[in-house]
Amino acid sequence: MTQPVASDTGNIDQASATAWFRTLPPVLPMEMVGIWRGEGIPSGHPLDGVLENLNWFGKRFHTDLRADALLFQWRPGRLVPIEPSIIPVRLVLRFASFGRTFIARNWFSYLQKAFHAEGPTATVKLRSVDFDETAAMVYDRQPIVDYFRRIDDNEVAGMMVVKGDDRRYFFRLQRVDNPDGEVR
């Protein structure tokens, strides 16, 4: 199964997305090395649609298992890693609907330079989720862990877990051989 199953209402809910994620095989940390283009999987989470509105590109994983947790498209031909510790995650979750507006996209495009990360912002390691070990990206200065499971050889599913929040944000990452932009 390469995507979550919709409920009777036609929507994918948290339970369906979680059940789908659990069916996928685990990933080893070294298999994550490279640049990945991301896309949210709507599941009733407050962040559904927010990252896409802000021109989220995806993630980059280095050979030393350090990672650029948040890569955004800044102008054509340029990817910018953002420092997640600047972002108040609980406030963002509370007011996430604002993140889907044109105003938020416009503001964020100007703030990207100020939010630029000086280096990798997370570590990739094996972590247990539902009794299986799989690759997980642990943010350095945020209470966030992204768990990964394999969809196929060039695509993985992600499940973002914020400590203290029962909701999960689901996304997929597709390996990029030649990114459209230069990562700085």
C-alpha atoms as a PDB file:
ATOM      1  CA  MET A   1       0.000   0.000   0.000  1.00  0.00           C
ATOM      2  CA  THR A   2       1.726   3.210  -1.178  1.00  0.00           C
ATOM      3  CA  GLN A   3      -0.687   5.693   0.350  1.00  0.00           C
ATOM      4  CA  PRO A   4      -3.027   5.890   3.324  1.00  0.00           C
ATOM      5  CA  VAL A   5      -6.590   4.670   2.899  1.00  0.00           C
ATOM      6  CA  ALA A   6      -9.323   7.294   3.096  1.00  0.00           C
ATOM      7  CA  SER A   7     -12.087   6.902   5.672  1.00  0.00           C
ATOM      8  CA  ASP A   8     -15.792   6.600   4.832  1.00  0.00           C
ATOM      9  CA  THR A   9     -15.971  10.392   4.452  1.00  0.00           C
ATOM     10  CA  GLY A  10     -13.260  10.322   1.774  1.00  0.00           C
ATOM     11  CA  ASN A  11     -10.685  11.993   4.005  1.00  0.00           C
ATOM     12  CA  ILE A  12      -7.514  10.523   5.435  1.00  0.00           C
ATOM     13  CA  ASP A  13      -7.607  10.851   9.207  1.00  0.00           C
ATOM     14  CA  GLN A  14      -4.909  10.463  11.833  1.00  0.00           C
ATOM     15  CA  ALA A  15      -5.848   6.840  12.593  1.00  0.00           C
ATOM     16  CA  SER A  16      -5.790   5.813   8.904  1.00  0.00           C
ATOM     17  CA  ALA A  17      -2.467   7.558   8.277  1.00  0.00           C
ATOM     18  CA  THR A  18      -0.914   5.980  11.382  1.00  0.00           C
ATOM     19  CA  ALA A  19      -2.160   2.507  10.416  1.00  0.00           C
ATOM     20  CA  TRP A  20      -0.739   2.955   6.887  1.00  0.00           C
ATOM     21  CA  PHE A  21       2.619   4.171   8.253  1.00  0.00           C
ATOM     22  CA  ARG A  22       2.895   1.082  10.476  1.00  0.00           C
ATOM     23  CA  THR A  23       2.538  -1.230   7.443  1.00  0.00           C
ATOM     24  CA  LEU A  24       5.613   0.206   5.720  1.00  0.00           C
ATOM     25  CA  PRO A  25       9.062  -1.395   6.116  1.00  0.00           C
ATOM     26  CA  PRO A  26      11.759   0.373   8.147  1.00  0.00           C
ATOM     27  CA  VAL A  27      14.629   2.411   6.693  1.00  0.00           C
ATOM     28  CA  LEU A  28      18.278   2.464   7.786  1.00  0.00           C
ATOM     29  CA  PRO A  29      19.843   5.867   8.556  1.00  0.00           C
ATOM     30  CA  MET A  30      22.477   5.627   5.772  1.00  0.00           C
ATOM     31  CA  GLU A  31      19.697   5.057   3.225  1.00  0.00           C
ATOM     32  CA  MET A  32      18.482   8.590   3.922  1.00  0.00           C
ATOM     33  CA  VAL A  33      21.687  10.289   2.714  1.00  0.00           C
ATOM     34  CA  GLY A  34      20.955  12.766  -0.059  1.00  0.00           C
ATOM     35  CA  ILE A  35      18.457  15.475  -0.938  1.00  0.00           C
ATOM     36  CA  TRP A  36      14.746  14.714  -0.724  1.00  0.00           C
ATOM     37  CA  ARG A  37      11.749  16.689  -2.020  1.00  0.00           C
ATOM     38  CA  GLY A  38       8.859  16.739   0.435  1.00  0.00           C
ATOM     39  CA  GLU A  39       5.084  16.798   0.236  1.00  0.00           C
ATOM     40  CA  GLY A  40       2.580  16.721   3.073  1.00  0.00           C
ATOM     41  CA  ILE A  41      -0.002  13.961   3.381  1.00  0.00           C
ATOM     42  CA  PRO A  42      -3.225  15.620   4.608  1.00  0.00           C
ATOM     43  CA  SER A  43      -4.442  13.773   7.698  1.00  0.00           C
ATOM     44  CA  GLY A  44      -6.272  16.331   9.798  1.00  0.00           C
ATOM     45  CA  HIS A  45      -3.090  17.756  11.349  1.00  0.00           C
ATOM     46  CA  PRO A  46      -2.903  21.540  11.909  1.00  0.00           C
ATOM     47  CA  LEU A  47       0.200  21.767   9.664  1.00  0.00           C
ATOM     48  CA  ASP A  48      -1.563  20.226   6.644  1.00  0.00           C
ATOM     49  CA  GLY A  49      -0.826  22.605   3.753  1.00  0.00           C
ATOM     50  CA  VAL A  50       1.326  25.004   5.777  1.00  0.00           C
ATOM     51  CA  LEU A  51       4.785  23.874   4.636  1.00  0.00           C
ATOM     52  CA  GLU A  52       3.726  23.754   0.978  1.00  0.00           C
ATOM     53  CA  ASN A  53       2.335  27.293   1.241  1.00  0.00           C
ATOM     54  CA  LEU A  54       5.700  28.476   2.576  1.00  0.00           C
ATOM     55  CA  ASN A  55       7.610  26.843  -0.344  1.00  0.00           C
ATOM     56  CA  TRP A  56       9.006  23.918   1.605  1.00  0.00           C
ATOM     57  CA  PHE A  57      11.369  21.909  -0.578  1.00  0.00           C
ATOM     58  CA  GLY A  58      12.196  18.980   1.699  1.00  0.00           C
ATOM     59  CA  LYS A  59      15.231  17.718   3.643  1.00  0.00           C
ATOM     60  CA  ARG A  60      18.932  17.029   3.136  1.00  0.00           C
ATOM     61  CA  PHE A  61      20.786  14.227   4.916  1.00  0.00           C
ATOM     62  CA  HIS A  62      24.604  14.288   5.052  1.00  0.00           C
ATOM     63  CA  THR A  63      26.947  11.281   5.079  1.00  0.00           C
ATOM     64  CA  ASP A  64      27.857  12.005   8.736  1.00  0.00           C
ATOM     65  CA  LEU A  65      24.136  11.473   9.535  1.00  0.00           C
ATOM     66  CA  ARG A  66      23.562  15.135  10.280  1.00  0.00           C
ATOM     67  CA  ALA A  67      20.628  16.772   8.507  1.00  0.00           C
ATOM     68  CA  ASP A  68      19.154  20.015   7.251  1.00  0.00           C
ATOM     69  CA  ALA A  69      15.725  19.426   8.780  1.00  0.00           C
ATOM     70  CA  LEU A  70      13.900  22.144   6.853  1.00  0.00           C
ATOM     71  CA  LEU A  71      14.897  23.103   3.303  1.00  0.00           C
ATOM     72  CA  PHE A  72      12.890  25.824   1.587  1.00  0.00           C
ATOM     73  CA  GLN A  73      12.861  27.056  -1.999  1.00  0.00           C
ATOM     74  CA  TRP A  74      14.079  30.643  -1.992  1.00  0.00           C
ATOM     75  CA  ARG A  75      13.864  32.014  -5.505  1.00  0.00           C
ATOM     76  CA  PRO A  76      14.314  29.697  -8.462  1.00  0.00           C
ATOM     77  CA  GLY A  77      17.606  27.848  -8.276  1.00  0.00           C
ATOM     78  CA  ARG A  78      18.271  28.253  -4.567  1.00  0.00           C
ATOM     79  CA  LEU A  79      17.448  26.095  -1.562  1.00  0.00           C
ATOM     80  CA  VAL A  80      17.834  27.511   1.936  1.00  0.00           C
ATOM     81  CA  PRO A  81      18.162  25.463   5.151  1.00  0.00           C
ATOM     82  CA  ILE A  82      16.117  27.038   7.961  1.00  0.00           C
ATOM     83  CA  GLU A  83      17.033  26.948  11.663  1.00  0.00           C
ATOM     84  CA  PRO A  84      14.088  25.156  13.344  1.00  0.00           C
ATOM     85  CA  SER A  85      14.977  26.367  16.859  1.00  0.00           C
ATOM     86  CA  ILE A  86      13.869  29.898  15.911  1.00  0.00           C
ATOM     87  CA  ILE A  87      10.339  28.661  15.244  1.00  0.00           C
ATOM     88  CA  PRO A  88       8.075  28.406  18.338  1.00  0.00           C
ATOM     89  CA  VAL A  89       6.571  25.007  17.473  1.00  0.00           C
ATOM     90  CA  ARG A  90       3.692  25.068  19.960  1.00  0.00           C
ATOM     91  CA  LEU A  91       2.632  28.560  18.827  1.00  0.00           C
ATOM     92  CA  VAL A  92       2.855  27.469  15.186  1.00  0.00           C
ATOM     93  CA  LEU A  93       0.613  24.465  15.910  1.00  0.00           C
ATOM     94  CA  ARG A  94      -1.906  26.674  17.683  1.00  0.00           C
ATOM     95  CA  PHE A  95      -2.119  29.252  14.886  1.00  0.00           C
ATOM     96  CA  ALA A  96      -1.349  26.968  11.937  1.00  0.00           C
ATOM     97  CA  SER A  97      -4.268  28.230   9.831  1.00  0.00           C
ATOM     98  CA  PHE A  98      -2.377  31.520   9.413  1.00  0.00           C
ATOM     99  CA  GLY A  99       0.478  29.549   7.810  1.00  0.00           C
ATOM    100  CA  ARG A 100      -1.790  28.686   4.879  1.00  0.00           C
ATOM    101  CA  THR A 101      -2.386  32.353   3.959  1.00  0.00           C
ATOM    102  CA  PHE A 102      -0.809  34.540   1.296  1.00  0.00           C
ATOM    103  CA  ILE A 103       0.342  36.945   4.017  1.00  0.00           C
ATOM    104  CA  ALA A 104       2.276  34.172   5.804  1.00  0.00           C
ATOM    105  CA  ARG A 105       3.918  33.092   2.527  1.00  0.00           C
ATOM    106  CA  ASN A 106       4.922  36.683   1.782  1.00  0.00           C
ATOM    107  CA  TRP A 107       6.320  37.304   5.283  1.00  0.00           C
ATOM    108  CA  PHE A 108       8.176  33.999   5.325  1.00  0.00           C
ATOM    109  CA  SER A 109       9.855  34.774   1.989  1.00  0.00           C
ATOM    110  CA  TYR A 110      11.363  37.880   3.600  1.00  0.00           C
ATOM    111  CA  LEU A 111      12.256  36.146   6.873  1.00  0.00           C
ATOM    112  CA  GLN A 112      14.096  33.209   5.286  1.00  0.00           C
ATOM    113  CA  LYS A 113      17.432  35.029   5.347  1.00  0.00           C
ATOM    114  CA  ALA A 114      17.050  35.747   9.067  1.00  0.00           C
ATOM    115  CA  PHE A 115      16.071  32.116   9.738  1.00  0.00           C
ATOM    116  CA  HIS A 116      18.977  30.666   7.699  1.00  0.00           C
ATOM    117  CA  ALA A 117      20.698  27.763   9.468  1.00  0.00           C
ATOM    118  CA  GLU A 118      24.470  27.986   9.893  1.00  0.00           C
ATOM    119  CA  GLY A 119      24.841  24.212   9.678  1.00  0.00           C
ATOM    120  CA  PRO A 120      22.908  20.968  10.054  1.00  0.00           C
ATOM    121  CA  THR A 121      20.093  21.130  12.595  1.00  0.00           C
ATOM    122  CA  ALA A 122      19.280  17.478  13.332  1.00  0.00           C
ATOM    123  CA  THR A 123      20.808  14.005  13.660  1.00  0.00           C
ATOM    124  CA  VAL A 124      19.657  10.822  11.943  1.00  0.00           C
ATOM    125  CA  LYS A 125      19.740   7.630  14.004  1.00  0.00           C
ATOM    126  CA  LEU A 126      17.853   4.407  14.579  1.00  0.00           C
ATOM    127  CA  ARG A 127      14.849   4.922  16.840  1.00  0.00           C
ATOM    128  CA  SER A 128      11.991   2.663  17.866  1.00  0.00           C
ATOM    129  CA  VAL A 129       8.481   3.438  16.773  1.00  0.00           C
ATOM    130  CA  ASP A 130       5.755   0.832  17.352  1.00  0.00           C
ATOM    131  CA  PHE A 131       8.408  -1.681  18.453  1.00  0.00           C
ATOM    132  CA  ASP A 132      10.340  -1.488  15.147  1.00  0.00           C
ATOM    133  CA  GLU A 133      13.587   0.387  14.738  1.00  0.00           C
ATOM    134  CA  THR A 134      13.731   2.726  11.756  1.00  0.00           C
ATOM    135  CA  ALA A 135      15.626   5.825  10.680  1.00  0.00           C
ATOM    136  CA  ALA A 136      14.576   8.886  12.633  1.00  0.00           C
ATOM    137  CA  MET A 137      15.675  12.510  12.423  1.00  0.00           C
ATOM    138  CA  VAL A 138      15.998  14.028  15.901  1.00  0.00           C
ATOM    139  CA  TYR A 139      15.947  17.826  15.900  1.00  0.00           C
ATOM    140  CA  ASP A 140      18.796  19.398  17.877  1.00  0.00           C
ATOM    141  CA  ARG A 141      16.851  22.105  19.701  1.00  0.00           C
ATOM    142  CA  GLN A 142      13.198  21.242  19.254  1.00  0.00           C
ATOM    143  CA  PRO A 143      11.100  18.484  20.873  1.00  0.00           C
ATOM    144  CA  ILE A 144      10.563  16.916  17.431  1.00  0.00           C
ATOM    145  CA  VAL A 145      11.425  13.540  15.902  1.00  0.00           C
ATOM    146  CA  ASP A 146      10.649  12.605  12.285  1.00  0.00           C
ATOM    147  CA  TYR A 147      10.362   8.826  11.761  1.00  0.00           C
ATOM    148  CA  PHE A 148      10.818   7.344   8.280  1.00  0.00           C
ATOM    149  CA  ARG A 149       9.465   4.226   6.581  1.00  0.00           C
ATOM    150  CA  ARG A 150      10.056   2.960   3.050  1.00  0.00           C
ATOM    151  CA  ILE A 151       7.452   3.367   0.316  1.00  0.00           C
ATOM    152  CA  ASP A 152       9.858   2.245  -2.435  1.00  0.00           C
ATOM    153  CA  ASP A 153      13.565   2.601  -3.345  1.00  0.00           C
ATOM    154  CA  ASN A 154      13.282   6.354  -3.977  1.00  0.00           C
ATOM    155  CA  GLU A 155      10.447   7.370  -1.687  1.00  0.00           C
ATOM    156  CA  VAL A 156       9.888   7.307   2.059  1.00  0.00           C
ATOM    157  CA  ALA A 157       6.999   8.241   4.315  1.00  0.00           C
ATOM    158  CA  GLY A 158       7.636  10.508   7.268  1.00  0.00           C
ATOM    159  CA  MET A 159       5.781  10.926  10.540  1.00  0.00           C
ATOM    160  CA  MET A 160       6.618  14.007  12.593  1.00  0.00           C
ATOM    161  CA  VAL A 161       6.111  13.609  16.344  1.00  0.00           C
ATOM    162  CA  VAL A 162       6.138  16.644  18.627  1.00  0.00           C
ATOM    163  CA  LYS A 163       6.697  15.699  22.263  1.00  0.00           C
ATOM    164  CA  GLY A 164       3.525  16.279  24.268  1.00  0.00           C
ATOM    165  CA  ASP A 165       1.232  16.390  21.205  1.00  0.00           C
ATOM    166  CA  ASP A 166      -0.724  13.262  20.252  1.00  0.00           C
ATOM    167  CA  ARG A 167      -1.287  14.436  16.671  1.00  0.00           C
ATOM    168  CA  ARG A 168       1.130  13.320  13.939  1.00  0.00           C
ATOM    169  CA  TYR A 169       2.120  15.198  10.799  1.00  0.00           C
ATOM    170  CA  PHE A 170       2.572  12.858   7.829  1.00  0.00           C
ATOM    171  CA  PHE A 171       4.615  13.563   4.730  1.00  0.00           C
ATOM    172  CA  ARG A 172       6.426  11.811   1.926  1.00  0.00           C
ATOM    173  CA  LEU A 173       9.945  12.420   0.662  1.00  0.00           C
ATOM    174  CA  GLN A 174      11.148  11.583  -2.826  1.00  0.00           C
ATOM    175  CA  ARG A 175      14.873  11.268  -3.528  1.00  0.00           C
ATOM    176  CA  VAL A 176      16.210  14.001  -5.814  1.00  0.00           C
ATOM    177  CA  ASP A 177      19.182  13.182  -8.053  1.00  0.00           C
ATOM    178  CA  ASN A 178      19.618  16.697  -9.370  1.00  0.00           C
ATOM    179  CA  PRO A 179      17.920  19.321  -7.200  1.00  0.00           C
ATOM    180  CA  ASP A 180      16.512  22.345  -9.012  1.00  0.00           C
ATOM    181  CA  GLY A 181      18.465  24.598  -6.730  1.00  0.00           C
ATOM    182  CA  GLU A 182      21.818  25.004  -5.140  1.00  0.00           C
ATOM    183  CA  VAL A 183      21.719  24.316  -1.409  1.00  0.00           C
ATOM    184  CA  ARG A 184      23.445  26.949   0.678  1.00  0.00           C
END
